[in-house]
Protein backbone atom coordinates (compact mmCIF):
# COMPACT_ATOMS: atom_id res chain seq x y z
CA MET A 1 -52.58 51.25 -63.46
CA ASN A 2 -48.91 49.69 -64.99
CA ARG A 3 -48.01 50.62 -61.43
CA GLY A 4 -50.61 48.98 -59.65
CA SER A 5 -49.92 45.73 -61.59
CA GLY A 6 -46.15 45.79 -60.67
CA THR A 7 -47.27 46.39 -56.94
CA GLN A 8 -49.19 43.22 -57.44
CA ARG A 9 -46.57 41.33 -59.26
CA LEU A 10 -43.85 42.20 -56.53
CA LEU A 11 -46.49 41.09 -53.64
CA GLN A 12 -46.90 37.63 -55.52
CA ARG A 13 -43.43 37.17 -55.78
CA LEU A 14 -42.85 38.05 -52.08
CA LEU A 15 -45.82 35.87 -50.94
CA THR A 16 -44.31 32.67 -53.11
CA GLY A 17 -40.83 33.32 -51.12
CA LEU A 18 -42.32 33.53 -47.85
CA CYS A 19 -44.29 30.31 -48.43
CA LEU A 20 -41.09 28.61 -49.79
CA TRP A 21 -39.14 29.89 -46.54
CA LEU A 22 -42.09 28.31 -44.34
CA ALA A 23 -42.03 25.26 -46.11
CA GLY A 24 -38.43 25.13 -45.69
CA GLN A 25 -38.69 26.00 -42.26
CA ALA A 26 -41.51 23.15 -41.48
CA ALA A 27 -39.34 20.38 -43.15
CA VAL A 28 -36.09 21.61 -40.53
CA PHE A 29 -38.51 21.25 -37.69
CA ALA A 30 -40.20 18.01 -39.08
CA GLU A 31 -36.91 16.26 -39.13
CA ALA A 32 -36.64 14.02 -36.28
CA VAL A 33 -33.47 14.42 -33.79
CA ASP A 34 -32.01 10.55 -33.83
CA PHE A 35 -30.61 9.31 -30.11
CA LYS A 36 -27.69 7.14 -31.13
CA GLY A 37 -25.81 6.22 -27.68
CA VAL A 38 -26.23 6.82 -24.44
CA ARG A 39 -23.18 6.55 -21.50
CA LEU A 40 -23.50 6.62 -18.33
CA SER A 41 -20.71 7.03 -15.22
CA ALA A 42 -21.00 7.81 -11.43
CA ALA A 43 -19.50 9.80 -9.29
CA SER A 44 -19.07 10.25 -5.16
CA ASP A 45 -23.15 11.87 -5.22
CA HIS A 46 -24.66 11.51 -8.41
CA THR A 47 -24.78 9.52 -11.50
CA ARG A 48 -24.66 11.33 -15.11
CA VAL A 49 -26.39 9.99 -18.18
CA VAL A 50 -25.38 11.25 -21.34
CA PHE A 51 -27.47 11.06 -24.49
CA ASP A 52 -25.44 11.62 -27.86
CA THR A 53 -27.73 13.06 -30.41
CA SER A 54 -27.81 14.12 -34.21
CA GLY A 55 -29.12 17.60 -33.17
CA SER A 56 -30.19 19.88 -30.19
CA VAL A 57 -33.29 18.75 -28.50
CA THR A 58 -36.08 20.29 -26.69
CA HIS A 59 -37.68 17.90 -23.84
CA LYS A 60 -40.17 17.08 -20.84
CA ILE A 61 -38.89 15.22 -18.01
CA PHE A 62 -40.85 13.89 -14.82
CA SER A 63 -40.57 11.16 -12.28
CA LEU A 64 -42.63 8.05 -11.29
CA GLN A 65 -42.48 6.19 -8.12
CA ASN A 66 -43.38 2.16 -6.89
CA PRO A 67 -41.20 1.50 -8.69
CA ASP A 68 -38.78 4.32 -9.16
CA ARG A 69 -38.47 6.27 -12.64
CA LEU A 70 -37.72 9.19 -14.75
CA VAL A 71 -39.49 9.69 -17.60
CA ILE A 72 -38.06 11.94 -20.67
CA ASP A 73 -40.19 12.99 -23.49
CA VAL A 74 -38.41 14.78 -26.68
CA PRO A 75 -40.97 15.64 -29.28
CA SER A 76 -39.41 15.16 -33.06
CA ALA A 77 -37.03 12.32 -32.08
CA ARG A 78 -36.14 8.88 -33.00
CA VAL A 79 -33.46 6.35 -31.20
CA SER A 80 -31.09 4.42 -33.58
CA THR A 81 -31.09 0.58 -33.58
CA SER A 82 -27.24 1.21 -31.75
CA MET A 83 -29.03 2.74 -28.66
CA LYS A 84 -31.75 0.02 -28.39
CA SER A 85 -29.45 -2.90 -28.68
CA LYS A 86 -27.35 -1.40 -25.86
CA GLN A 87 -27.90 -2.34 -22.08
CA ALA A 88 -26.63 0.58 -20.12
CA SER A 89 -26.58 0.49 -16.27
CA GLY A 90 -24.64 1.96 -13.73
CA GLY A 91 -24.77 4.14 -10.43
CA LEU A 92 -28.50 5.04 -9.45
CA VAL A 93 -29.87 3.75 -13.52
CA LYS A 94 -30.71 0.05 -13.45
CA GLY A 95 -31.63 -0.18 -16.99
CA VAL A 96 -33.03 2.44 -20.09
CA ARG A 97 -35.96 1.69 -22.00
CA THR A 98 -37.31 3.49 -25.16
CA ALA A 99 -40.64 3.65 -26.89
CA LYS A 100 -42.80 5.86 -29.10
CA LYS A 101 -45.19 7.83 -26.89
CA ASP A 102 -47.11 9.04 -30.19
CA LYS A 103 -46.17 9.38 -33.70
CA ASP A 104 -43.58 12.14 -33.14
CA THR A 105 -42.73 11.55 -29.54
CA LEU A 106 -39.95 9.79 -28.47
CA ARG A 107 -40.36 8.48 -24.93
CA ILE A 108 -37.11 7.30 -22.70
CA VAL A 109 -37.57 5.68 -19.31
CA LEU A 110 -34.68 5.25 -16.77
CA ASP A 111 -35.23 2.66 -14.37
CA LEU A 112 -33.67 3.70 -10.99
CA LYS A 113 -32.31 1.69 -7.94
CA GLN A 114 -34.15 4.61 -5.85
CA GLY A 115 -35.46 8.07 -5.85
CA ALA A 116 -33.44 10.86 -7.60
CA LYS A 117 -33.70 14.42 -8.17
CA PRO A 118 -32.66 15.27 -12.25
CA GLN A 119 -30.67 18.10 -12.98
CA THR A 120 -30.75 18.64 -17.39
CA PHE A 121 -29.04 20.55 -20.01
CA SER A 122 -28.02 20.53 -23.39
CA LEU A 123 -24.15 20.24 -24.78
CA LYS A 124 -23.18 21.92 -28.24
CA PRO A 125 -20.67 19.89 -30.34
CA ASN A 126 -16.94 19.82 -29.90
CA ASP A 127 -14.06 18.20 -31.61
CA ARG A 128 -14.87 14.72 -29.85
CA TYR A 129 -18.56 14.97 -29.54
CA GLY A 130 -21.32 16.15 -30.95
CA HIS A 131 -24.78 17.73 -29.88
CA ARG A 132 -25.72 15.78 -26.43
CA LEU A 133 -28.47 15.97 -23.70
CA VAL A 134 -27.37 15.33 -20.28
CA ILE A 135 -28.94 14.33 -17.50
CA ASP A 136 -27.52 14.52 -13.80
CA LEU A 137 -29.68 12.32 -10.96
CA TYR A 138 -28.79 13.14 -7.06
CA GLU A 139 -29.63 10.99 -4.40
CA VAL A 140 -32.64 11.70 -2.41
CA ASP A 141 -33.86 10.51 0.95
CA LYS A 142 -35.72 7.15 0.27
CA VAL A 143 -37.39 6.69 3.69
CA ALA A 144 -38.15 10.52 3.71
CA GLN A 145 -39.62 9.82 -0.05
CA ASP A 146 -41.84 6.99 0.65
CA SER A 147 -43.13 8.38 3.88
CA ARG A 148 -44.15 11.75 2.31
CA ALA A 149 -45.73 9.39 -0.65
CA THR A 150 -47.83 7.78 1.99
CA ASN A 151 -48.39 10.46 4.23
CA PRO A 152 -46.68 13.50 3.91
CA LYS A 153 -47.39 14.54 7.76
CA ALA A 154 -45.35 11.91 8.94
CA ALA A 155 -42.52 12.81 6.91
CA SER A 156 -40.65 14.19 9.65
CA ARG A 157 -41.26 11.36 11.99
CA THR A 158 -39.86 8.80 9.56
CA ALA A 159 -36.19 9.53 9.28
CA PRO A 160 -33.61 7.06 9.50
CA LYS A 161 -32.42 6.62 12.87
CA THR A 162 -29.18 4.98 14.01
CA VAL A 163 -29.33 1.70 15.34
CA ALA A 164 -26.94 -0.12 17.93
CA ARG A 165 -26.05 -3.53 17.03
CA THR A 166 -25.72 -5.55 20.12
CA ALA A 167 -24.17 -9.19 21.20
CA SER A 168 -26.61 -12.03 21.61
CA PRO A 169 -27.05 -12.87 25.24
CA ALA A 170 -24.35 -15.65 24.66
CA ALA A 171 -21.58 -13.48 23.62
CA LYS A 172 -20.35 -10.83 25.97
CA PRO A 173 -19.20 -7.63 23.82
CA VAL A 174 -21.86 -4.71 23.34
CA ALA A 175 -20.99 -3.07 19.51
CA VAL A 176 -20.96 0.59 19.31
CA LYS A 177 -22.90 2.66 16.94
CA THR A 178 -22.41 2.43 13.34
CA SER A 179 -22.54 5.29 11.15
CA ALA A 180 -26.07 6.63 9.98
CA ALA A 181 -25.08 6.39 6.28
CA THR A 182 -25.09 2.75 5.40
CA PRO A 183 -21.93 2.05 3.34
CA SER A 184 -22.88 0.36 -0.13
CA ARG A 185 -20.25 -0.33 -2.27
CA GLU A 186 -17.04 -1.75 -2.35
CA LEU A 187 -13.72 -0.11 -2.85
CA VAL A 188 -12.80 -0.57 -6.83
CA ILE A 189 -8.71 -0.98 -7.30
CA ALA A 190 -8.00 -0.99 -11.07
CA ILE A 191 -4.48 -2.85 -11.40
CA ASP A 192 -2.67 -2.17 -14.93
CA ALA A 193 -0.15 -4.77 -15.99
CA GLY A 194 2.15 -3.04 -18.09
CA HIS A 195 3.04 -3.19 -21.76
CA GLY A 196 1.19 -6.40 -23.35
CA GLY A 197 0.59 -7.55 -26.84
CA LYS A 198 2.85 -6.05 -29.71
CA ASP A 199 4.77 -4.14 -26.91
CA PRO A 200 6.44 -6.76 -24.67
CA GLY A 201 8.44 -4.32 -22.90
CA ALA A 202 11.76 -4.67 -21.43
CA LYS A 203 13.42 -8.58 -22.11
CA GLY A 204 15.76 -9.98 -19.05
CA ARG A 205 19.10 -12.22 -20.07
CA ARG A 206 17.02 -15.38 -20.46
CA GLY A 207 14.55 -13.98 -22.51
CA THR A 208 12.16 -13.26 -19.92
CA LYS A 209 9.43 -10.34 -20.94
CA GLU A 210 8.40 -7.51 -18.70
CA LYS A 211 4.98 -7.93 -20.08
CA THR A 212 4.72 -11.72 -18.65
CA VAL A 213 5.90 -11.21 -15.65
CA VAL A 214 3.74 -8.13 -14.71
CA LEU A 215 0.50 -9.87 -15.79
CA ALA A 216 1.34 -12.49 -13.28
CA ILE A 217 1.79 -9.99 -10.32
CA ALA A 218 -1.00 -8.32 -11.82
CA ARG A 219 -3.19 -11.46 -11.13
CA LYS A 220 -1.82 -12.42 -7.87
CA LEU A 221 -2.77 -9.05 -6.43
CA ALA A 222 -6.28 -9.36 -8.08
CA GLU A 223 -6.55 -12.61 -6.17
CA LEU A 224 -5.73 -11.10 -3.05
CA ILE A 225 -7.83 -7.97 -3.46
CA LYS A 226 -10.83 -10.36 -3.82
CA LYS A 227 -10.40 -12.05 -0.54
CA GLU A 228 -10.11 -8.24 0.99
CA PRO A 229 -13.50 -7.47 2.81
CA GLY A 230 -14.78 -4.30 1.30
CA MET A 231 -12.70 -4.20 -2.15
CA ARG A 232 -12.89 -5.23 -5.35
CA PRO A 233 -10.10 -5.37 -8.55
CA VAL A 234 -10.45 -4.68 -11.80
CA LEU A 235 -7.50 -5.82 -14.18
CA ILE A 236 -6.95 -3.49 -16.76
CA ARG A 237 -5.20 -6.12 -19.11
CA ASP A 238 -6.00 -9.68 -18.42
CA GLY A 239 -4.27 -10.98 -21.23
CA ASP A 240 -1.87 -10.19 -23.64
CA TYR A 241 -2.84 -7.67 -26.10
CA PHE A 242 -1.91 -4.31 -26.48
CA LEU A 243 -3.58 -1.21 -24.37
CA GLY A 244 -3.08 2.51 -25.49
CA LEU A 245 -1.98 4.47 -22.11
CA ARG A 246 -4.94 6.69 -22.15
CA GLN A 247 -6.99 3.69 -22.59
CA ARG A 248 -5.98 2.32 -19.57
CA ILE A 249 -6.87 5.57 -17.64
CA ASP A 250 -10.34 5.40 -19.63
CA LYS A 251 -10.71 2.08 -18.69
CA ALA A 252 -9.94 2.71 -14.97
CA ARG A 253 -12.39 5.88 -15.19
CA LYS A 254 -15.16 3.76 -16.38
CA HIS A 255 -14.96 1.06 -13.79
CA ASN A 256 -14.95 4.57 -11.12
CA ALA A 257 -11.99 3.12 -9.70
CA ASP A 258 -11.15 4.78 -6.14
CA LEU A 259 -7.08 3.68 -7.10
CA PHE A 260 -4.90 2.77 -10.09
CA ILE A 261 -1.92 0.87 -9.64
CA SER A 262 0.23 0.31 -12.90
CA ILE A 263 3.09 -2.70 -12.35
CA HIS A 264 6.06 -2.91 -14.53
CA ALA A 265 9.59 -4.08 -14.42
CA ASP A 266 12.52 -1.87 -14.86
CA ALA A 267 15.91 -1.98 -17.06
CA PHE A 268 19.29 -0.67 -17.51
CA ARG A 269 22.17 -0.95 -19.33
CA ASP A 270 24.30 -1.87 -15.92
CA ARG A 271 22.82 -5.12 -14.97
CA ARG A 272 24.08 -4.29 -11.56
CA ALA A 273 21.28 -1.96 -11.27
CA HIS A 274 18.86 -3.03 -8.98
CA GLY A 275 15.65 -2.65 -6.59
CA SER A 276 12.22 -1.24 -6.59
CA SER A 277 10.89 1.86 -7.07
CA VAL A 278 7.23 4.00 -6.74
CA PHE A 279 6.42 6.55 -8.62
CA VAL A 280 3.55 9.26 -8.60
CA LEU A 281 2.89 12.32 -11.15
CA SER A 282 5.15 15.03 -11.34
CA ARG A 283 3.75 18.25 -10.99
CA ARG A 284 4.95 19.35 -14.80
CA GLY A 285 2.91 16.28 -15.74
CA ALA A 286 -0.17 17.16 -13.65
CA SER A 287 -0.16 20.91 -15.49
CA SER A 288 -0.04 19.43 -18.75
CA GLU A 289 -2.51 17.53 -18.20
CA MET A 290 -4.39 20.35 -16.45
CA ALA A 291 -4.06 22.43 -19.66
CA ARG A 292 -5.57 19.23 -21.67
CA TRP A 293 -9.01 18.73 -19.58
CA ILE A 294 -9.21 23.09 -19.19
CA ALA A 295 -9.31 22.85 -23.27
CA ALA A 296 -12.30 20.26 -23.49
CA LYS A 297 -13.62 21.52 -19.98
CA GLU A 298 -17.21 19.98 -21.02
CA ASN A 299 -15.72 16.59 -20.50
CA ALA A 300 -14.40 17.66 -17.31
CA ALA A 301 -17.31 17.82 -15.02
CA ASP A 302 -16.65 14.57 -13.27
CA LEU A 303 -13.23 15.58 -12.10
CA VAL A 304 -15.00 18.58 -9.85
CA GLY A 305 -17.54 16.45 -8.27
CA GLY A 306 -19.96 16.89 -11.27
CA VAL A 307 -19.97 20.65 -11.62
CA SER A 308 -20.85 21.64 -15.24
CA LEU A 309 -17.78 23.91 -16.45
CA ASP A 310 -19.28 24.85 -19.68
CA ASP A 311 -20.03 28.19 -18.41
CA LYS A 312 -16.89 29.06 -16.01
CA ASP A 313 -14.07 30.85 -17.37
CA ASP A 314 -10.70 29.24 -18.18
CA MET A 315 -9.22 31.12 -14.68
CA LEU A 316 -12.12 29.40 -12.43
CA THR A 317 -12.00 26.29 -14.29
CA GLY A 318 -7.90 26.12 -13.83
CA VAL A 319 -8.84 26.61 -10.04
CA LEU A 320 -11.36 24.26 -9.81
CA LEU A 321 -9.22 21.45 -11.94
CA ASP A 322 -6.25 22.08 -9.85
CA LEU A 323 -7.90 21.95 -6.36
CA SER A 324 -9.12 18.38 -7.02
CA GLN A 325 -5.63 17.27 -8.87
CA SER A 326 -3.91 18.24 -6.12
CA ALA A 327 -6.05 15.81 -3.80
CA THR A 328 -5.42 13.51 -6.05
CA LEU A 329 -2.06 13.92 -6.06
CA ALA A 330 -1.66 14.14 -2.32
CA ALA A 331 -3.56 10.76 -2.04
CA SER A 332 -1.34 9.11 -4.86
CA HIS A 333 1.66 9.94 -2.81
CA GLU A 334 0.35 8.87 0.63
CA VAL A 335 -0.53 5.48 -1.34
CA ALA A 336 2.97 5.58 -2.45
CA SER A 337 4.83 6.08 0.57
CA ASN A 338 2.52 2.66 2.03
CA MET A 339 3.65 0.61 -1.10
CA LEU A 340 6.92 1.59 -0.40
CA ASN A 341 7.61 0.70 3.06
CA GLY A 342 5.98 -2.94 1.97
CA LEU A 343 8.55 -3.28 -0.83
CA LYS A 344 11.29 -2.06 1.49
CA ARG A 345 10.65 -5.46 3.60
CA LEU A 346 11.59 -7.60 0.16
CA GLY A 347 15.37 -6.44 -0.14
CA LYS A 348 16.88 -3.38 -1.15
CA MET A 349 14.86 0.03 -2.76
CA HIS A 350 16.82 1.46 -6.16
CA LYS A 351 15.34 4.84 -5.12
CA PRO A 352 14.51 4.97 -0.72
CA THR A 353 11.79 7.44 -1.64
CA VAL A 354 8.85 8.42 -3.80
CA GLN A 355 9.57 9.30 -6.92
CA ARG A 356 7.94 11.73 -9.62
CA ALA A 357 7.65 11.77 -13.38
CA GLY A 358 5.29 12.31 -15.82
CA PHE A 359 4.27 8.78 -16.56
CA MET A 360 1.08 8.73 -19.08
CA VAL A 361 -0.80 6.32 -16.95
CA LEU A 362 -0.48 8.57 -13.85
CA LYS A 363 -2.32 11.26 -15.32
CA SER A 364 -6.05 10.71 -14.40
CA PRO A 365 -6.89 14.10 -12.40
CA ASP A 366 -9.50 12.24 -10.17
CA ILE A 367 -8.21 8.82 -9.47
CA PRO A 368 -5.10 8.77 -7.13
CA SER A 369 -2.43 6.73 -9.30
CA ILE A 370 1.01 5.03 -8.52
CA LEU A 371 3.30 3.32 -10.72
CA VAL A 372 5.45 0.79 -9.37
CA GLU A 373 8.88 -0.68 -10.80
CA THR A 374 9.00 -4.09 -9.18
CA ALA A 375 12.42 -4.75 -9.72
CA PHE A 376 15.32 -4.62 -12.84
CA ILE A 377 14.60 -7.22 -15.18
CA SER A 378 17.95 -6.42 -16.82
CA ASN A 379 19.47 -7.52 -13.58
CA PRO A 380 19.95 -11.62 -13.49
CA THR A 381 19.48 -12.21 -9.98
CA GLU A 382 16.00 -10.04 -9.92
CA GLU A 383 15.26 -11.43 -13.65
CA ASN A 384 15.08 -14.90 -11.73
CA LYS A 385 13.18 -13.64 -8.84
CA LEU A 386 10.43 -11.83 -11.49
CA ARG A 387 10.25 -15.67 -12.68
CA SER A 388 9.56 -16.96 -9.26
CA THR A 389 5.60 -17.32 -8.34
CA GLN A 390 6.92 -17.03 -4.88
CA HIS A 391 8.53 -13.79 -5.19
CA GLN A 392 5.60 -12.85 -7.24
CA ALA A 393 3.17 -13.57 -4.38
CA LYS A 394 5.44 -11.45 -1.81
CA LEU A 395 5.28 -8.08 -4.56
CA ALA A 396 1.61 -8.75 -4.71
CA GLN A 397 1.18 -9.00 -0.79
CA ALA A 398 3.39 -6.08 -0.41
CA MET A 399 1.08 -4.04 -2.69
CA LEU A 400 -1.81 -5.10 -1.00
CA ASN A 401 -0.54 -4.20 2.65
CA GLY A 402 0.22 -0.56 1.02
CA ILE A 403 -3.21 -0.10 -0.27
CA ARG A 404 -4.53 -1.54 2.94
CA ASP A 405 -3.15 0.59 5.27
CA TYR A 406 -4.04 3.72 2.90
CA PHE A 407 -7.47 3.03 2.87
CA ASP A 408 -8.16 1.56 6.33
CA LYS A 409 -6.92 5.73 7.64
CA HIS A 410 -8.98 7.28 4.85
CA PRO A 411 -11.90 5.02 3.67
CA PRO A 412 -14.38 6.56 1.06
CA PRO A 413 -17.56 7.71 2.69
CA GLY A 414 -20.12 5.42 1.24
CA THR A 415 -18.09 2.46 0.53
CA LEU A 416 -18.28 -0.80 2.78
CA ARG A 417 -13.99 -0.31 3.95
CA VAL A 418 -15.81 2.50 6.39
CA ALA A 419 -15.76 -0.39 9.52
CA ARG A 420 -17.76 -0.65 12.42
CA LYS A 421 -15.66 -0.63 15.43
CA HIS A 422 -15.49 -2.34 18.70
CA LYS A 423 -13.69 -1.34 21.86
CA VAL A 424 -12.67 -4.04 24.18
CA LYS A 425 -13.58 -4.47 27.49
CA GLN A 426 -12.77 -7.09 30.14
CA GLY A 427 -13.90 -10.16 29.59
CA ASP A 428 -13.80 -10.13 25.96
CA THR A 429 -12.65 -12.98 23.60
CA LEU A 430 -11.90 -12.45 19.87
CA SER A 431 -14.43 -15.33 19.18
CA ASP A 432 -17.20 -13.83 20.96
CA ILE A 433 -16.52 -10.46 19.15
CA ALA A 434 -16.98 -12.42 15.96
CA VAL A 435 -20.35 -14.03 17.06
CA ALA A 436 -21.30 -10.88 17.99
CA TYR A 437 -20.73 -9.16 14.48
CA GLN A 438 -21.58 -12.23 12.69
CA VAL A 439 -18.14 -12.40 10.60
CA SER A 440 -15.52 -15.01 10.87
CA LEU A 441 -12.61 -15.31 13.30
CA ASN A 442 -10.40 -14.95 10.40
CA SER A 443 -11.89 -12.27 8.50
CA LEU A 444 -11.70 -10.35 11.98
CA ARG A 445 -8.04 -11.38 12.73
CA GLY A 446 -7.05 -10.28 9.16
CA PHE A 447 -8.84 -7.01 9.12
CA ASN A 448 -7.13 -5.91 12.25
CA SER A 449 -3.58 -7.47 11.08
CA LEU A 450 -3.46 -9.45 14.69
CA LYS A 451 -1.09 -12.15 14.80
CA SER A 452 -2.85 -13.94 17.86
CA ASP A 453 -6.07 -13.71 19.18
CA ARG A 454 -4.87 -11.91 22.35
CA LEU A 455 -6.75 -8.70 23.35
CA ARG A 456 -5.99 -5.93 25.65
CA VAL A 457 -8.87 -3.78 27.13
CA GLY A 458 -9.34 -0.64 25.64
CA ASP A 459 -8.33 -1.79 22.23
CA THR A 460 -10.42 -0.62 19.51
CA LEU A 461 -11.23 -3.55 17.10
CA ARG A 462 -12.14 -2.85 13.43
CA ILE A 463 -14.92 -4.83 12.12
CA PRO A 464 -15.06 -6.19 8.86
CA PRO A 465 -18.00 -5.32 6.28
CA LEU A 466 -20.77 -8.13 6.11
CA ARG A 467 -20.34 -9.92 2.60
CA GLY A 468 -23.62 -8.67 0.43
CA SER A 469 -24.10 -5.82 2.59
């Protein structure tokens, strides 16, 4: 009898403990996960959407059409006030909306610019970020998508075709076929005026501050780029304020820059030192930066075309990053060489070849980056030139020429800089060609660096993109 009573008491304690444990587990599961923020970034072939959350989440995802949307349903979740107030857009995403589907389920809707194929995964906390839900959106063929939605059998008959633009009856030229892929975006040139705010940089004998003259040159370069078909400038610093070096890189990456140019003015204790120099990142600096990205490889996916590196070992991660970085360094060197050739026309160079150094602002592994030392502000003659608006304009023009030369040879796919072309035939005139392609005569001249309107049969002209196309 006593033994039975002891057994009953033991069972009772076990049942009580089990109930308490189940209650605790229910409380854990019932606790809602907060969606604290959202970040977007656009790569060449996809758009990444990252939701910062207070814990791990489960979710369901599906697509809707007319208009294109992606819906994410997350049970036991809620959205923070800060995320509600944030207007997020970029890449394929026009906007982000949230609502309660029911009492316990949060519904997130991504309004899309076109149909997209989603891939989702979760990331655990690291030293910089907490839990994250990541959605990668890959472009799909919009024409085929619409065709399949209305008539699946006709999908194979509605593939987009290349259409040749022909001249009007009054014009003689006949245009060649354009690429099947319609260019959709402008090239983004990030212009970084060195120093700023509490950091004045070097100072000339007359009191000229480096931060002031390089900002003036940066603004002039931005104005020139605004007039260049298919290009858009982004001023990293557009006022007299301080920015950290990594902040400058981060801002360029936030704007998905195709090129980063940092503008400076040199100084030396010997006032006779003079001339311009152009720098790219040294291999040693590249190696140290690659090691940093390997240490935080879950943040490095955009550097290797959006491939997630979380499941890769350090050796494979290093190989992928090295390939990406090598391509960036090669592009940087070619841009720098073009820039150097343009600056040589303004006077003697301090260094006649492209220099390599470990400057922090050159360390973005996925953006070709160069640093231009425009002149020696410590040299009285060059200080006077740097103060001159005319010389500032010449420096800006030389930089633009270098940028233009590089992207004329290597226009990134999908950009408006991918030009149409026209082969000159007997009887063609420049004005007729401009009419045929619906571009201005001045833009046609500028796009081809023509000094006169004389054409030679057999030459190929590059046709600037239509504004707003």
